[in-house]
Amino acid sequence: MTKHFMNRAAQGDVYFERIETLPAGLDLAPIEKGAHVVAHSETGHNHVIDSRAAQLFIDKTNAFIAYLKVLEPVELKHLRDHDTHEALAFTPGVYRVRRQREATPEGWRRAQD
């Protein structure tokens, strides 16, 4: 099953918001096995999107924010065999990607599964 949305959506601990343009000074994220890993999971169930249909950009000034430029309709998939999140359908455009964070005695970190 696939979830469709207009401006905002979430898949697990990852939140997406459509924006007008990419900010300056971003770095293109690496491609792993034909996909961009939009959100890594320490348990191995990453959130991925096909690199032929989208580009993922990293904001080196903020580890909780990334940007997704979708070039053609594509689905974000959750790589897990059980208790998986439904696929999330993206239309062409630019999206801000926010990772959930949690407080620790050492400071803020990405939420752990």
N, C-alpha and C. Protein backbone atom coordinates (compact mmCIF):
# COMPACT_ATOMS: atom_id res chain seq x y z
N MET A 1 0.84 -1.17 0.00
CA MET A 1 0.00 0.00 0.00
C MET A 1 0.89 1.24 0.00
N THR A 2 0.45 2.30 -0.65
CA THR A 2 1.22 3.52 -0.77
C THR A 2 0.42 4.70 -0.24
N LYS A 3 1.06 5.55 0.54
CA LYS A 3 0.43 6.75 1.08
C LYS A 3 0.76 7.93 0.17
N HIS A 4 -0.25 8.69 -0.23
CA HIS A 4 -0.07 9.89 -1.05
C HIS A 4 -0.26 11.13 -0.18
N PHE A 5 0.43 12.22 -0.50
CA PHE A 5 0.30 13.44 0.29
C PHE A 5 0.52 14.65 -0.60
N MET A 6 0.14 15.82 -0.08
CA MET A 6 0.31 17.07 -0.83
C MET A 6 1.54 17.86 -0.34
N ASN A 7 1.54 18.27 0.92
CA ASN A 7 2.60 19.17 1.41
C ASN A 7 3.44 18.61 2.55
N ARG A 8 2.86 17.77 3.40
CA ARG A 8 3.59 17.23 4.56
C ARG A 8 3.22 15.78 4.77
N ALA A 9 4.23 15.01 5.22
CA ALA A 9 3.99 13.60 5.52
C ALA A 9 5.12 13.09 6.39
N ALA A 10 4.88 11.94 7.01
CA ALA A 10 5.91 11.30 7.82
C ALA A 10 5.94 9.82 7.50
N GLN A 11 7.12 9.25 7.64
CA GLN A 11 7.29 7.80 7.55
C GLN A 11 8.18 7.43 8.74
N GLY A 12 7.56 6.86 9.76
CA GLY A 12 8.30 6.56 10.97
C GLY A 12 8.82 7.84 11.60
N ASP A 13 10.13 7.89 11.88
CA ASP A 13 10.71 9.05 12.54
C ASP A 13 11.25 10.10 11.56
N VAL A 14 10.80 10.03 10.30
CA VAL A 14 11.25 10.98 9.28
C VAL A 14 10.05 11.81 8.81
N TYR A 15 10.21 13.14 8.80
CA TYR A 15 9.14 14.06 8.44
C TYR A 15 9.54 14.80 7.17
N PHE A 16 8.59 14.95 6.23
CA PHE A 16 8.84 15.60 4.94
C PHE A 16 7.91 16.79 4.79
N GLU A 17 8.47 17.88 4.28
CA GLU A 17 7.69 19.08 4.03
C GLU A 17 8.09 19.66 2.68
N ARG A 18 7.11 19.87 1.80
CA ARG A 18 7.38 20.47 0.49
C ARG A 18 7.79 21.93 0.68
N ILE A 19 8.87 22.34 -0.01
CA ILE A 19 9.34 23.72 0.04
C ILE A 19 9.54 24.21 -1.40
N GLU A 20 9.80 25.49 -1.56
CA GLU A 20 9.92 26.08 -2.90
C GLU A 20 11.24 25.76 -3.58
N THR A 21 12.36 25.98 -2.88
CA THR A 21 13.67 25.80 -3.51
C THR A 21 14.68 25.22 -2.52
N LEU A 22 15.73 24.66 -3.08
CA LEU A 22 16.83 24.16 -2.26
C LEU A 22 17.65 25.32 -1.72
N PRO A 23 18.07 25.26 -0.47
CA PRO A 23 19.00 26.28 0.02
C PRO A 23 20.38 26.09 -0.62
N ALA A 24 21.19 27.11 -0.55
CA ALA A 24 22.56 27.04 -1.10
C ALA A 24 23.47 26.28 -0.14
N GLY A 25 24.57 25.78 -0.67
CA GLY A 25 25.62 25.19 0.15
C GLY A 25 25.39 23.76 0.59
N LEU A 26 24.60 23.01 -0.14
CA LEU A 26 24.32 21.62 0.22
C LEU A 26 25.25 20.68 -0.53
N ASP A 27 25.46 19.50 0.02
CA ASP A 27 26.26 18.47 -0.63
C ASP A 27 25.35 17.32 -1.06
N LEU A 28 25.60 16.79 -2.24
CA LEU A 28 24.84 15.64 -2.72
C LEU A 28 25.24 14.41 -1.91
N ALA A 29 24.24 13.68 -1.44
CA ALA A 29 24.49 12.49 -0.61
C ALA A 29 24.96 11.33 -1.49
N PRO A 30 25.70 10.40 -0.92
CA PRO A 30 26.14 9.23 -1.68
C PRO A 30 24.98 8.31 -2.04
N ILE A 31 25.21 7.50 -3.06
CA ILE A 31 24.22 6.52 -3.52
C ILE A 31 24.68 5.16 -3.05
N GLU A 32 23.75 4.39 -2.48
CA GLU A 32 24.06 3.04 -2.01
C GLU A 32 23.15 2.04 -2.73
N LYS A 33 23.72 1.20 -3.57
CA LYS A 33 22.96 0.18 -4.30
C LYS A 33 21.79 0.77 -5.08
N GLY A 34 22.04 1.88 -5.78
CA GLY A 34 21.02 2.50 -6.63
C GLY A 34 19.99 3.33 -5.89
N ALA A 35 20.23 3.58 -4.61
CA ALA A 35 19.25 4.34 -3.83
C ALA A 35 19.96 5.34 -2.92
N HIS A 36 19.20 6.37 -2.55
CA HIS A 36 19.64 7.28 -1.49
C HIS A 36 19.02 6.80 -0.20
N VAL A 37 19.81 6.69 0.84
CA VAL A 37 19.29 6.34 2.16
C VAL A 37 18.88 7.66 2.82
N VAL A 38 17.58 7.91 2.82
CA VAL A 38 17.05 9.16 3.36
C VAL A 38 17.18 9.18 4.88
N ALA A 39 17.00 8.01 5.49
CA ALA A 39 17.17 7.89 6.94
C ALA A 39 17.74 6.52 7.26
N HIS A 40 18.92 6.52 7.88
CA HIS A 40 19.55 5.28 8.32
C HIS A 40 18.87 4.79 9.59
N SER A 41 18.84 3.50 9.75
CA SER A 41 18.34 2.91 10.98
C SER A 41 19.43 2.02 11.56
N GLU A 42 19.67 2.15 12.85
CA GLU A 42 20.67 1.31 13.48
C GLU A 42 20.26 -0.15 13.51
N THR A 43 18.97 -0.43 13.26
CA THR A 43 18.51 -1.82 13.20
C THR A 43 18.45 -2.34 11.77
N GLY A 44 18.87 -1.52 10.80
CA GLY A 44 18.97 -1.96 9.41
C GLY A 44 17.76 -1.74 8.54
N HIS A 45 16.69 -1.19 9.08
CA HIS A 45 15.52 -0.95 8.23
C HIS A 45 15.49 0.51 7.76
N ASN A 46 16.36 0.79 6.81
CA ASN A 46 16.52 2.14 6.28
C ASN A 46 15.31 2.60 5.47
N HIS A 47 15.19 3.91 5.33
CA HIS A 47 14.18 4.54 4.49
C HIS A 47 14.92 4.97 3.23
N VAL A 48 14.54 4.42 2.06
CA VAL A 48 15.32 4.65 0.83
C VAL A 48 14.44 5.13 -0.31
N ILE A 49 15.10 5.83 -1.26
CA ILE A 49 14.42 6.31 -2.45
C ILE A 49 15.34 6.09 -3.66
N ASP A 50 14.77 5.73 -4.78
CA ASP A 50 15.52 5.42 -6.00
C ASP A 50 16.32 6.65 -6.46
N SER A 51 17.61 6.48 -6.61
CA SER A 51 18.49 7.61 -6.98
C SER A 51 18.31 8.07 -8.42
N ARG A 52 17.63 7.29 -9.25
CA ARG A 52 17.36 7.74 -10.63
C ARG A 52 16.23 8.75 -10.67
N ALA A 53 15.38 8.77 -9.64
CA ALA A 53 14.20 9.64 -9.63
C ALA A 53 14.33 10.81 -8.65
N ALA A 54 15.35 10.77 -7.79
CA ALA A 54 15.48 11.81 -6.77
C ALA A 54 16.94 12.01 -6.39
N GLN A 55 17.22 13.19 -5.86
CA GLN A 55 18.54 13.51 -5.35
C GLN A 55 18.40 13.89 -3.88
N LEU A 56 19.29 13.39 -3.05
CA LEU A 56 19.29 13.71 -1.63
C LEU A 56 20.46 14.63 -1.35
N PHE A 57 20.20 15.72 -0.65
CA PHE A 57 21.24 16.69 -0.31
C PHE A 57 21.38 16.78 1.19
N ILE A 58 22.62 16.87 1.65
CA ILE A 58 22.96 16.93 3.06
C ILE A 58 23.29 18.36 3.45
N ASP A 59 22.76 18.77 4.58
CA ASP A 59 23.10 20.07 5.16
C ASP A 59 24.15 19.81 6.24
N LYS A 60 25.40 20.10 5.96
CA LYS A 60 26.49 19.80 6.91
C LYS A 60 26.44 20.67 8.15
N THR A 61 25.60 21.69 8.16
CA THR A 61 25.49 22.54 9.35
C THR A 61 24.41 22.04 10.31
N ASN A 62 23.60 21.05 9.89
CA ASN A 62 22.52 20.56 10.74
C ASN A 62 22.29 19.08 10.45
N ALA A 63 22.69 18.21 11.35
CA ALA A 63 22.59 16.76 11.15
C ALA A 63 21.15 16.25 11.16
N PHE A 64 20.20 17.09 11.57
CA PHE A 64 18.80 16.66 11.64
C PHE A 64 18.01 17.04 10.40
N ILE A 65 18.65 17.75 9.45
CA ILE A 65 17.97 18.24 8.26
C ILE A 65 18.69 17.75 7.00
N ALA A 66 17.90 17.36 6.01
CA ALA A 66 18.42 17.05 4.67
C ALA A 66 17.37 17.58 3.69
N TYR A 67 17.65 17.48 2.41
CA TYR A 67 16.72 17.96 1.39
C TYR A 67 16.63 16.93 0.29
N LEU A 68 15.44 16.80 -0.25
CA LEU A 68 15.17 15.83 -1.30
C LEU A 68 14.63 16.58 -2.52
N LYS A 69 15.29 16.38 -3.66
CA LYS A 69 14.80 16.95 -4.92
C LYS A 69 14.27 15.79 -5.74
N VAL A 70 12.97 15.75 -5.91
CA VAL A 70 12.32 14.66 -6.64
C VAL A 70 12.14 15.09 -8.09
N LEU A 71 12.70 14.30 -9.00
CA LEU A 71 12.70 14.62 -10.43
C LEU A 71 11.52 14.00 -11.16
N GLU A 72 11.03 12.87 -10.67
CA GLU A 72 9.88 12.19 -11.27
C GLU A 72 9.15 11.42 -10.16
N PRO A 73 7.88 11.07 -10.37
CA PRO A 73 7.16 10.36 -9.31
C PRO A 73 7.93 9.13 -8.83
N VAL A 74 7.98 8.98 -7.51
CA VAL A 74 8.78 7.91 -6.91
C VAL A 74 8.24 7.61 -5.52
N GLU A 75 8.54 6.41 -5.03
CA GLU A 75 8.13 6.02 -3.68
C GLU A 75 9.33 5.93 -2.75
N LEU A 76 9.14 6.39 -1.53
CA LEU A 76 10.10 6.18 -0.47
C LEU A 76 9.71 4.86 0.19
N LYS A 77 10.66 3.95 0.31
CA LYS A 77 10.37 2.63 0.86
C LYS A 77 11.08 2.43 2.19
N HIS A 78 10.45 1.64 3.02
CA HIS A 78 10.99 1.29 4.33
C HIS A 78 11.46 -0.16 4.24
N LEU A 79 12.75 -0.39 4.35
CA LEU A 79 13.33 -1.71 4.14
C LEU A 79 13.25 -2.56 5.41
N ARG A 80 12.10 -3.16 5.58
CA ARG A 80 11.91 -4.05 6.72
C ARG A 80 10.82 -5.05 6.35
N ASP A 81 11.03 -6.30 6.68
CA ASP A 81 10.09 -7.36 6.30
C ASP A 81 8.84 -7.40 7.15
N HIS A 82 8.91 -6.91 8.38
CA HIS A 82 7.76 -6.95 9.28
C HIS A 82 7.57 -5.57 9.92
N ASP A 83 6.36 -5.29 10.34
CA ASP A 83 6.04 -4.00 10.96
C ASP A 83 6.60 -2.83 10.16
N THR A 84 6.48 -2.90 8.87
CA THR A 84 7.04 -1.86 8.01
C THR A 84 6.07 -0.69 7.86
N HIS A 85 6.61 0.47 7.54
CA HIS A 85 5.78 1.63 7.23
C HIS A 85 5.37 1.51 5.77
N GLU A 86 4.16 1.97 5.45
CA GLU A 86 3.74 1.93 4.06
C GLU A 86 4.61 2.86 3.22
N ALA A 87 4.74 2.55 1.94
CA ALA A 87 5.52 3.39 1.02
C ALA A 87 4.89 4.78 0.97
N LEU A 88 5.71 5.77 0.71
CA LEU A 88 5.26 7.16 0.65
C LEU A 88 5.51 7.68 -0.76
N ALA A 89 4.44 8.08 -1.46
CA ALA A 89 4.54 8.53 -2.85
C ALA A 89 4.91 10.01 -2.92
N PHE A 90 5.97 10.31 -3.67
CA PHE A 90 6.42 11.69 -3.88
C PHE A 90 6.15 12.10 -5.32
N THR A 91 5.72 13.34 -5.50
CA THR A 91 5.60 13.94 -6.82
C THR A 91 6.80 14.87 -7.00
N PRO A 92 7.14 15.23 -8.23
CA PRO A 92 8.30 16.11 -8.44
C PRO A 92 8.21 17.39 -7.61
N GLY A 93 9.35 17.78 -7.06
CA GLY A 93 9.42 18.98 -6.25
C GLY A 93 10.58 18.90 -5.28
N VAL A 94 10.64 19.84 -4.36
CA VAL A 94 11.71 19.93 -3.37
C VAL A 94 11.09 19.75 -1.99
N TYR A 95 11.76 18.96 -1.15
CA TYR A 95 11.25 18.64 0.18
C TYR A 95 12.35 18.78 1.23
N ARG A 96 11.97 19.35 2.38
CA ARG A 96 12.87 19.36 3.54
C ARG A 96 12.62 18.05 4.28
N VAL A 97 13.69 17.42 4.72
CA VAL A 97 13.63 16.15 5.43
C VAL A 97 14.11 16.41 6.85
N ARG A 98 13.27 16.10 7.82
CA ARG A 98 13.65 16.29 9.23
C ARG A 98 13.66 14.95 9.94
N ARG A 99 14.74 14.69 10.65
CA ARG A 99 14.86 13.47 11.47
C ARG A 99 14.44 13.79 12.89
N GLN A 100 13.71 12.86 13.48
CA GLN A 100 13.33 13.01 14.88
C GLN A 100 14.59 13.00 15.73
N ARG A 101 14.61 13.76 16.81
CA ARG A 101 15.77 13.79 17.68
C ARG A 101 15.34 13.57 19.12
N GLU A 102 16.32 13.21 19.94
CA GLU A 102 16.05 12.99 21.34
C GLU A 102 17.18 13.56 22.17
N ALA A 103 16.84 13.94 23.39
CA ALA A 103 17.84 14.51 24.29
C ALA A 103 18.57 13.40 25.03
N THR A 104 19.87 13.57 25.20
CA THR A 104 20.70 12.67 25.98
C THR A 104 21.54 13.54 26.92
N PRO A 105 22.19 12.96 27.91
CA PRO A 105 23.05 13.76 28.78
C PRO A 105 24.17 14.47 28.01
N GLU A 106 24.57 13.91 26.85
CA GLU A 106 25.63 14.51 26.04
C GLU A 106 25.12 15.59 25.10
N GLY A 107 23.79 15.68 24.93
CA GLY A 107 23.20 16.65 24.00
C GLY A 107 22.20 15.97 23.09
N TRP A 108 21.80 16.66 22.04
CA TRP A 108 20.80 16.13 21.10
C TRP A 108 21.45 15.10 20.18
N ARG A 109 20.67 14.07 19.81
CA ARG A 109 21.10 13.08 18.82
C ARG A 109 19.87 12.62 18.05
N ARG A 110 20.12 11.98 16.89
CA ARG A 110 19.02 11.41 16.12
C ARG A 110 18.34 10.35 16.95
N ALA A 111 17.02 10.26 16.83
CA ALA A 111 16.26 9.26 17.58
C ALA A 111 16.75 7.86 17.23
N GLN A 112 16.85 7.00 18.20
CA GLN A 112 17.28 5.63 18.02
C GLN A 112 16.06 4.72 17.93
N ASP A 113 16.10 3.73 17.04
CA ASP A 113 14.98 2.78 16.92
C ASP A 113 14.92 1.89 18.13
